[in-house]
Amino acid sequence: MAVLNVNGQSMSADVDPRTPLLWVIRDALGLTGTKYGCGIAQCGCCTVHIDGVAARSCQIPVASAAGKKITTIEGLAVDGKLSKVQQAWLDGEVPQCGYCQSGMIMAVSSLLQAKPQPTDADIDAAITNICRCGTYQQVREAIHAAAKA
């Protein structure tokens, strides 16, 4: 039995300890905002925060996440109020298909925690998520808008 702290709540799932955290979050806990993309930690669709740091959940065994604070896209809004990154995404009309956006938002939220006023070079180094629609310019603009918020 895996016991996890997800979005501030204790949750448990009866899964093999080697099960990727992504599948526990989606299938066992029903939090489907975190997406499956490539399965090899390259695209970033599955990005969550583990102890405040962006992590690709498709390659993390659930046993490694036990005892750590996990935040998914569902946990970013507080009391129904969107985070500044989520709001910047809406204001900047960033998503096209939207599939990668939850992982992208999680990666950006982690970046802004570490560097509240990131440069373009900081963004390029930290945000390695892949957007097949190519919304990178809108992403960059939204990051700068969120940093100013």
N, C-alpha and C. Protein backbone atom coordinates (compact mmCIF):
# COMPACT_ATOMS: atom_id res chain seq x y z
N MET A 1 0.85 -1.18 0.00
CA MET A 1 0.00 0.00 0.00
C MET A 1 0.90 1.24 0.00
N ALA A 2 0.70 2.08 -0.98
CA ALA A 2 1.45 3.33 -1.05
C ALA A 2 0.62 4.43 -0.40
N VAL A 3 1.23 5.14 0.54
CA VAL A 3 0.57 6.28 1.17
C VAL A 3 1.32 7.52 0.72
N LEU A 4 0.59 8.43 0.10
CA LEU A 4 1.19 9.62 -0.49
C LEU A 4 0.53 10.89 0.03
N ASN A 5 1.29 11.96 0.06
CA ASN A 5 0.76 13.29 0.37
C ASN A 5 0.61 14.00 -0.97
N VAL A 6 -0.63 14.06 -1.46
CA VAL A 6 -0.91 14.65 -2.77
C VAL A 6 -1.81 15.86 -2.58
N ASN A 7 -1.34 16.99 -3.02
CA ASN A 7 -2.11 18.24 -2.93
C ASN A 7 -2.58 18.50 -1.50
N GLY A 8 -1.71 18.17 -0.55
CA GLY A 8 -2.00 18.45 0.85
C GLY A 8 -2.88 17.43 1.54
N GLN A 9 -3.22 16.36 0.85
CA GLN A 9 -4.06 15.32 1.45
C GLN A 9 -3.34 13.98 1.46
N SER A 10 -3.57 13.22 2.50
CA SER A 10 -3.02 11.88 2.55
C SER A 10 -3.90 10.97 1.70
N MET A 11 -3.27 10.27 0.77
CA MET A 11 -4.00 9.37 -0.13
C MET A 11 -3.25 8.05 -0.18
N SER A 12 -3.99 6.97 -0.34
CA SER A 12 -3.34 5.68 -0.42
C SER A 12 -3.82 4.92 -1.65
N ALA A 13 -2.94 4.07 -2.13
CA ALA A 13 -3.23 3.27 -3.31
C ALA A 13 -2.59 1.90 -3.14
N ASP A 14 -3.33 0.87 -3.45
CA ASP A 14 -2.82 -0.49 -3.38
C ASP A 14 -2.18 -0.83 -4.72
N VAL A 15 -0.90 -0.51 -4.85
CA VAL A 15 -0.17 -0.70 -6.10
C VAL A 15 1.20 -1.30 -5.82
N ASP A 16 1.78 -1.86 -6.85
CA ASP A 16 3.15 -2.36 -6.78
C ASP A 16 4.06 -1.16 -6.53
N PRO A 17 5.03 -1.24 -5.63
CA PRO A 17 5.90 -0.10 -5.33
C PRO A 17 6.71 0.39 -6.53
N ARG A 18 6.82 -0.42 -7.57
CA ARG A 18 7.56 -0.03 -8.77
C ARG A 18 6.69 0.72 -9.78
N THR A 19 5.39 0.82 -9.51
CA THR A 19 4.49 1.49 -10.43
C THR A 19 4.89 2.95 -10.57
N PRO A 20 4.97 3.44 -11.80
CA PRO A 20 5.31 4.86 -11.98
C PRO A 20 4.29 5.76 -11.28
N LEU A 21 4.79 6.79 -10.65
CA LEU A 21 3.93 7.74 -9.93
C LEU A 21 2.82 8.27 -10.83
N LEU A 22 3.12 8.52 -12.09
CA LEU A 22 2.11 9.02 -13.02
C LEU A 22 0.86 8.16 -13.01
N TRP A 23 1.03 6.85 -13.10
CA TRP A 23 -0.13 5.95 -13.18
C TRP A 23 -0.86 5.87 -11.86
N VAL A 24 -0.16 6.01 -10.76
CA VAL A 24 -0.83 6.04 -9.46
C VAL A 24 -1.69 7.30 -9.36
N ILE A 25 -1.11 8.44 -9.74
CA ILE A 25 -1.85 9.70 -9.70
C ILE A 25 -3.09 9.62 -10.58
N ARG A 26 -2.94 9.16 -11.80
CA ARG A 26 -4.06 9.14 -12.76
C ARG A 26 -5.05 8.01 -12.48
N ASP A 27 -4.56 6.79 -12.40
CA ASP A 27 -5.46 5.64 -12.35
C ASP A 27 -5.95 5.30 -10.95
N ALA A 28 -5.06 5.33 -9.98
CA ALA A 28 -5.46 4.95 -8.63
C ALA A 28 -6.09 6.10 -7.86
N LEU A 29 -5.60 7.32 -8.09
CA LEU A 29 -6.12 8.46 -7.33
C LEU A 29 -7.13 9.30 -8.13
N GLY A 30 -7.22 9.08 -9.41
CA GLY A 30 -8.22 9.76 -10.24
C GLY A 30 -7.93 11.21 -10.56
N LEU A 31 -6.67 11.63 -10.42
CA LEU A 31 -6.28 13.01 -10.73
C LEU A 31 -5.72 13.02 -12.15
N THR A 32 -6.58 13.28 -13.12
CA THR A 32 -6.22 13.09 -14.52
C THR A 32 -5.64 14.33 -15.20
N GLY A 33 -5.38 15.39 -14.46
CA GLY A 33 -4.75 16.57 -15.04
C GLY A 33 -3.32 16.32 -15.46
N THR A 34 -2.64 15.43 -14.77
CA THR A 34 -1.28 15.05 -15.13
C THR A 34 -1.39 14.07 -16.29
N LYS A 35 -0.70 14.36 -17.38
CA LYS A 35 -0.87 13.60 -18.62
C LYS A 35 0.30 12.66 -18.90
N TYR A 36 -0.02 11.60 -19.65
CA TYR A 36 0.99 10.71 -20.21
C TYR A 36 1.37 11.25 -21.58
N GLY A 37 2.66 11.37 -21.83
CA GLY A 37 3.11 11.83 -23.14
C GLY A 37 3.99 10.80 -23.81
N CYS A 38 5.21 10.66 -23.30
CA CYS A 38 6.17 9.79 -23.97
C CYS A 38 6.55 8.56 -23.15
N GLY A 39 6.43 8.64 -21.86
CA GLY A 39 6.80 7.52 -21.00
C GLY A 39 8.28 7.39 -20.71
N ILE A 40 9.09 8.31 -21.24
CA ILE A 40 10.54 8.24 -21.02
C ILE A 40 11.11 9.54 -20.45
N ALA A 41 10.26 10.34 -19.83
CA ALA A 41 10.66 11.57 -19.13
C ALA A 41 11.28 12.61 -20.05
N GLN A 42 10.89 12.62 -21.32
CA GLN A 42 11.44 13.59 -22.26
C GLN A 42 10.50 14.75 -22.53
N CYS A 43 9.19 14.49 -22.64
CA CYS A 43 8.27 15.53 -23.12
C CYS A 43 7.78 16.46 -22.01
N GLY A 44 7.67 15.97 -20.79
CA GLY A 44 7.26 16.81 -19.68
C GLY A 44 5.76 16.87 -19.42
N CYS A 45 4.95 16.16 -20.18
CA CYS A 45 3.49 16.18 -19.95
C CYS A 45 3.14 15.71 -18.55
N CYS A 46 3.96 14.86 -17.99
CA CYS A 46 3.67 14.24 -16.69
C CYS A 46 4.28 15.00 -15.51
N THR A 47 4.72 16.23 -15.73
CA THR A 47 5.43 16.97 -14.69
C THR A 47 4.52 17.28 -13.49
N VAL A 48 5.03 16.97 -12.31
CA VAL A 48 4.40 17.31 -11.03
C VAL A 48 5.49 17.93 -10.16
N HIS A 49 5.13 18.40 -9.01
CA HIS A 49 6.14 18.87 -8.05
C HIS A 49 6.30 17.80 -6.98
N ILE A 50 7.53 17.49 -6.67
CA ILE A 50 7.84 16.61 -5.55
C ILE A 50 8.72 17.42 -4.62
N ASP A 51 8.19 17.69 -3.43
CA ASP A 51 8.85 18.58 -2.48
C ASP A 51 9.21 19.91 -3.14
N GLY A 52 8.30 20.41 -3.98
CA GLY A 52 8.46 21.73 -4.59
C GLY A 52 9.29 21.78 -5.85
N VAL A 53 9.82 20.66 -6.27
CA VAL A 53 10.69 20.63 -7.45
C VAL A 53 9.97 19.89 -8.59
N ALA A 54 10.02 20.47 -9.79
CA ALA A 54 9.40 19.83 -10.95
C ALA A 54 10.06 18.48 -11.21
N ALA A 55 9.22 17.46 -11.43
CA ALA A 55 9.72 16.11 -11.68
C ALA A 55 8.82 15.42 -12.69
N ARG A 56 9.41 14.60 -13.52
CA ARG A 56 8.67 13.85 -14.54
C ARG A 56 8.18 12.55 -13.91
N SER A 57 6.91 12.50 -13.63
CA SER A 57 6.34 11.41 -12.84
C SER A 57 6.27 10.07 -13.55
N CYS A 58 6.47 10.04 -14.87
CA CYS A 58 6.38 8.76 -15.58
C CYS A 58 7.55 7.83 -15.27
N GLN A 59 8.63 8.37 -14.74
CA GLN A 59 9.83 7.56 -14.49
C GLN A 59 10.16 7.44 -13.00
N ILE A 60 9.25 7.87 -12.13
CA ILE A 60 9.50 7.83 -10.70
C ILE A 60 8.66 6.73 -10.07
N PRO A 61 9.28 5.71 -9.51
CA PRO A 61 8.50 4.67 -8.84
C PRO A 61 7.74 5.26 -7.66
N VAL A 62 6.52 4.82 -7.46
CA VAL A 62 5.70 5.38 -6.39
C VAL A 62 6.40 5.23 -5.04
N ALA A 63 7.16 4.18 -4.85
CA ALA A 63 7.87 3.98 -3.58
C ALA A 63 8.84 5.13 -3.30
N SER A 64 9.39 5.73 -4.35
CA SER A 64 10.32 6.85 -4.17
C SER A 64 9.62 8.14 -3.77
N ALA A 65 8.32 8.21 -4.00
CA ALA A 65 7.56 9.42 -3.68
C ALA A 65 6.91 9.38 -2.31
N ALA A 66 6.90 8.22 -1.69
CA ALA A 66 6.29 8.10 -0.37
C ALA A 66 7.00 9.01 0.62
N GLY A 67 6.23 9.71 1.44
CA GLY A 67 6.79 10.60 2.44
C GLY A 67 7.17 11.97 1.91
N LYS A 68 6.93 12.21 0.64
CA LYS A 68 7.26 13.51 0.04
C LYS A 68 5.96 14.24 -0.30
N LYS A 69 6.06 15.54 -0.42
CA LYS A 69 4.90 16.36 -0.76
C LYS A 69 4.78 16.43 -2.28
N ILE A 70 3.69 15.89 -2.79
CA ILE A 70 3.44 15.85 -4.23
C ILE A 70 2.35 16.86 -4.55
N THR A 71 2.60 17.69 -5.56
CA THR A 71 1.58 18.63 -6.03
C THR A 71 1.35 18.37 -7.50
N THR A 72 0.07 18.23 -7.86
CA THR A 72 -0.33 18.07 -9.26
C THR A 72 -0.96 19.37 -9.72
N ILE A 73 -1.30 19.44 -10.99
CA ILE A 73 -1.95 20.63 -11.53
C ILE A 73 -3.23 20.94 -10.76
N GLU A 74 -3.92 19.92 -10.28
CA GLU A 74 -5.14 20.14 -9.50
C GLU A 74 -4.87 20.84 -8.18
N GLY A 75 -3.64 20.78 -7.69
CA GLY A 75 -3.29 21.37 -6.41
C GLY A 75 -2.73 22.79 -6.49
N LEU A 76 -2.59 23.35 -7.68
CA LEU A 76 -2.01 24.70 -7.79
C LEU A 76 -2.98 25.80 -7.37
N ALA A 77 -4.23 25.68 -7.74
CA ALA A 77 -5.22 26.69 -7.35
C ALA A 77 -5.47 26.58 -5.85
N VAL A 78 -5.64 27.72 -5.20
CA VAL A 78 -5.88 27.74 -3.75
C VAL A 78 -7.23 28.40 -3.50
N ASP A 79 -8.09 27.67 -2.81
CA ASP A 79 -9.44 28.18 -2.51
C ASP A 79 -10.16 28.69 -3.76
N GLY A 80 -10.02 27.94 -4.85
CA GLY A 80 -10.69 28.30 -6.09
C GLY A 80 -10.02 29.41 -6.88
N LYS A 81 -8.91 29.95 -6.38
CA LYS A 81 -8.21 31.03 -7.08
C LYS A 81 -7.02 30.43 -7.82
N LEU A 82 -6.98 30.67 -9.11
CA LEU A 82 -5.88 30.16 -9.92
C LEU A 82 -4.55 30.72 -9.47
N SER A 83 -3.49 29.94 -9.66
CA SER A 83 -2.14 30.45 -9.39
C SER A 83 -1.82 31.52 -10.43
N LYS A 84 -0.78 32.30 -10.15
CA LYS A 84 -0.42 33.36 -11.09
C LYS A 84 0.01 32.79 -12.44
N VAL A 85 0.58 31.61 -12.45
CA VAL A 85 0.97 30.98 -13.72
C VAL A 85 -0.28 30.53 -14.48
N GLN A 86 -1.20 29.88 -13.80
CA GLN A 86 -2.44 29.47 -14.46
C GLN A 86 -3.18 30.68 -15.03
N GLN A 87 -3.24 31.76 -14.28
CA GLN A 87 -3.93 32.95 -14.75
C GLN A 87 -3.21 33.56 -15.95
N ALA A 88 -1.89 33.58 -15.91
CA ALA A 88 -1.12 34.11 -17.05
C ALA A 88 -1.35 33.25 -18.30
N TRP A 89 -1.51 31.96 -18.11
CA TRP A 89 -1.77 31.06 -19.24
C TRP A 89 -3.11 31.41 -19.89
N LEU A 90 -4.12 31.65 -19.06
CA LEU A 90 -5.43 32.02 -19.60
C LEU A 90 -5.38 33.40 -20.26
N ASP A 91 -4.79 34.35 -19.56
CA ASP A 91 -4.72 35.72 -20.08
C ASP A 91 -3.96 35.79 -21.40
N GLY A 92 -2.91 34.99 -21.52
CA GLY A 92 -2.09 34.99 -22.73
C GLY A 92 -2.57 34.03 -23.80
N GLU A 93 -3.68 33.34 -23.52
CA GLU A 93 -4.23 32.36 -24.47
C GLU A 93 -3.15 31.42 -24.99
N VAL A 94 -2.40 30.86 -24.06
CA VAL A 94 -1.26 30.02 -24.41
C VAL A 94 -1.67 28.70 -25.07
N PRO A 95 -2.60 27.95 -24.51
CA PRO A 95 -2.85 26.61 -25.08
C PRO A 95 -3.46 26.63 -26.48
N GLN A 96 -3.03 25.69 -27.28
CA GLN A 96 -3.74 25.40 -28.52
C GLN A 96 -4.47 24.09 -28.30
N CYS A 97 -3.81 22.96 -28.45
CA CYS A 97 -4.51 21.70 -28.16
C CYS A 97 -4.63 21.53 -26.65
N GLY A 98 -3.64 22.04 -25.91
CA GLY A 98 -3.68 22.03 -24.46
C GLY A 98 -3.12 20.79 -23.79
N TYR A 99 -2.78 19.76 -24.56
CA TYR A 99 -2.38 18.50 -23.94
C TYR A 99 -1.16 18.64 -23.04
N CYS A 100 -0.17 19.38 -23.46
CA CYS A 100 1.08 19.50 -22.70
C CYS A 100 1.01 20.54 -21.59
N GLN A 101 -0.04 21.32 -21.57
CA GLN A 101 -0.05 22.52 -20.74
C GLN A 101 -0.01 22.27 -19.25
N SER A 102 -0.61 21.20 -18.74
CA SER A 102 -0.53 20.99 -17.29
C SER A 102 0.91 20.75 -16.87
N GLY A 103 1.65 19.95 -17.64
CA GLY A 103 3.06 19.73 -17.33
C GLY A 103 3.89 20.98 -17.48
N MET A 104 3.57 21.75 -18.51
CA MET A 104 4.29 23.01 -18.75
C MET A 104 4.06 23.97 -17.59
N ILE A 105 2.81 24.10 -17.16
CA ILE A 105 2.48 24.99 -16.04
C ILE A 105 3.20 24.56 -14.76
N MET A 106 3.28 23.26 -14.54
CA MET A 106 3.98 22.76 -13.35
C MET A 106 5.47 23.08 -13.42
N ALA A 107 6.07 22.91 -14.59
CA ALA A 107 7.50 23.23 -14.75
C ALA A 107 7.74 24.72 -14.54
N VAL A 108 6.87 25.55 -15.10
CA VAL A 108 7.03 27.00 -14.97
C VAL A 108 6.82 27.43 -13.52
N SER A 109 5.87 26.85 -12.84
CA SER A 109 5.63 27.19 -11.43
C SER A 109 6.87 26.90 -10.59
N SER A 110 7.51 25.79 -10.87
CA SER A 110 8.74 25.43 -10.15
C SER A 110 9.86 26.42 -10.49
N LEU A 111 9.98 26.77 -11.77
CA LEU A 111 10.99 27.75 -12.17
C LEU A 111 10.79 29.07 -11.42
N LEU A 112 9.56 29.56 -11.36
CA LEU A 112 9.31 30.85 -10.72
C LEU A 112 9.52 30.80 -9.21
N GLN A 113 9.39 29.63 -8.62
CA GLN A 113 9.73 29.49 -7.20
C GLN A 113 11.24 29.66 -7.00
N ALA A 114 12.00 29.09 -7.91
CA ALA A 114 13.46 29.15 -7.80
C ALA A 114 14.01 30.49 -8.28
N LYS A 115 13.41 31.04 -9.34
CA LYS A 115 13.87 32.30 -9.94
C LYS A 115 12.65 33.16 -10.24
N PRO A 116 12.26 34.01 -9.29
CA PRO A 116 11.03 34.80 -9.46
C PRO A 116 11.04 35.74 -10.66
N GLN A 117 12.21 36.14 -11.15
CA GLN A 117 12.32 37.02 -12.32
C GLN A 117 13.26 36.37 -13.34
N PRO A 118 12.84 35.29 -13.98
CA PRO A 118 13.76 34.58 -14.87
C PRO A 118 14.05 35.35 -16.16
N THR A 119 15.25 35.19 -16.62
CA THR A 119 15.64 35.74 -17.92
C THR A 119 15.22 34.74 -19.00
N ASP A 120 15.32 35.16 -20.25
CA ASP A 120 15.04 34.22 -21.34
C ASP A 120 15.98 33.03 -21.28
N ALA A 121 17.23 33.25 -20.92
CA ALA A 121 18.19 32.15 -20.79
C ALA A 121 17.78 31.20 -19.68
N ASP A 122 17.28 31.73 -18.56
CA ASP A 122 16.80 30.89 -17.46
C ASP A 122 15.64 30.02 -17.94
N ILE A 123 14.74 30.63 -18.69
CA ILE A 123 13.58 29.91 -19.21
C ILE A 123 14.03 28.80 -20.15
N ASP A 124 14.92 29.13 -21.05
CA ASP A 124 15.42 28.13 -22.00
C ASP A 124 16.08 26.95 -21.29
N ALA A 125 16.81 27.23 -20.23
CA ALA A 125 17.51 26.18 -19.50
C ALA A 125 16.55 25.32 -18.67
N ALA A 126 15.52 25.92 -18.11
CA ALA A 126 14.66 25.21 -17.17
C ALA A 126 13.45 24.55 -17.81
N ILE A 127 12.90 25.16 -18.84
CA ILE A 127 11.67 24.64 -19.42
C ILE A 127 12.01 23.82 -20.66
N THR A 128 12.11 22.53 -20.44
CA THR A 128 12.47 21.60 -21.51
C THR A 128 11.26 20.79 -21.98
N ASN A 129 10.10 21.16 -21.51
CA ASN A 129 8.87 20.48 -21.92
C ASN A 129 8.65 20.69 -23.41
N ILE A 130 8.04 19.70 -24.04
CA ILE A 130 7.78 19.77 -25.47
C ILE A 130 6.31 20.11 -25.71
N CYS A 131 6.10 21.08 -26.60
CA CYS A 131 4.76 21.47 -27.04
C CYS A 131 4.68 21.20 -28.53
N ARG A 132 3.91 20.20 -28.92
CA ARG A 132 3.81 19.85 -30.35
C ARG A 132 3.15 20.95 -31.16
N CYS A 133 2.36 21.80 -30.51
CA CYS A 133 1.70 22.89 -31.23
C CYS A 133 2.65 24.08 -31.44
N GLY A 134 3.77 24.09 -30.73
CA GLY A 134 4.76 25.14 -30.92
C GLY A 134 4.40 26.47 -30.29
N THR A 135 3.78 26.44 -29.14
CA THR A 135 3.37 27.69 -28.47
C THR A 135 4.48 28.31 -27.62
N TYR A 136 5.71 28.06 -27.95
CA TYR A 136 6.82 28.49 -27.12
C TYR A 136 6.88 30.00 -26.91
N GLN A 137 6.56 30.78 -27.91
CA GLN A 137 6.59 32.24 -27.74
C GLN A 137 5.50 32.68 -26.76
N GLN A 138 4.31 32.09 -26.85
CA GLN A 138 3.25 32.42 -25.90
C GLN A 138 3.62 31.95 -24.49
N VAL A 139 4.28 30.81 -24.40
CA VAL A 139 4.75 30.31 -23.10
C VAL A 139 5.72 31.32 -22.48
N ARG A 140 6.69 31.77 -23.26
CA ARG A 140 7.68 32.72 -22.75
C ARG A 140 6.99 34.00 -22.28
N GLU A 141 6.05 34.51 -23.06
CA GLU A 141 5.33 35.73 -22.69
C GLU A 141 4.53 35.52 -21.40
N ALA A 142 3.91 34.36 -21.27
CA ALA A 142 3.13 34.08 -20.07
C ALA A 142 4.04 33.94 -18.83
N ILE A 143 5.21 33.38 -19.03
CA ILE A 143 6.16 33.27 -17.90
C ILE A 143 6.54 34.65 -17.43
N HIS A 144 6.86 35.53 -18.34
CA HIS A 144 7.23 36.90 -17.94
C HIS A 144 6.05 37.62 -17.30
N ALA A 145 4.84 37.39 -17.82
CA ALA A 145 3.65 38.02 -17.21
C ALA A 145 3.42 37.49 -15.80
N ALA A 146 3.58 36.20 -15.60
CA ALA A 146 3.41 35.62 -14.27
C ALA A 146 4.46 36.15 -13.31
N ALA A 147 5.68 36.34 -13.80
CA ALA A 147 6.76 36.86 -12.96
C ALA A 147 6.46 38.28 -12.50
N LYS A 148 5.74 39.03 -13.31
CA LYS A 148 5.38 40.41 -12.95
C LYS A 148 4.15 40.48 -12.06
N ALA A 149 3.37 39.42 -12.03
CA ALA A 149 2.10 39.43 -11.26
C ALA A 149 2.32 39.40 -9.76
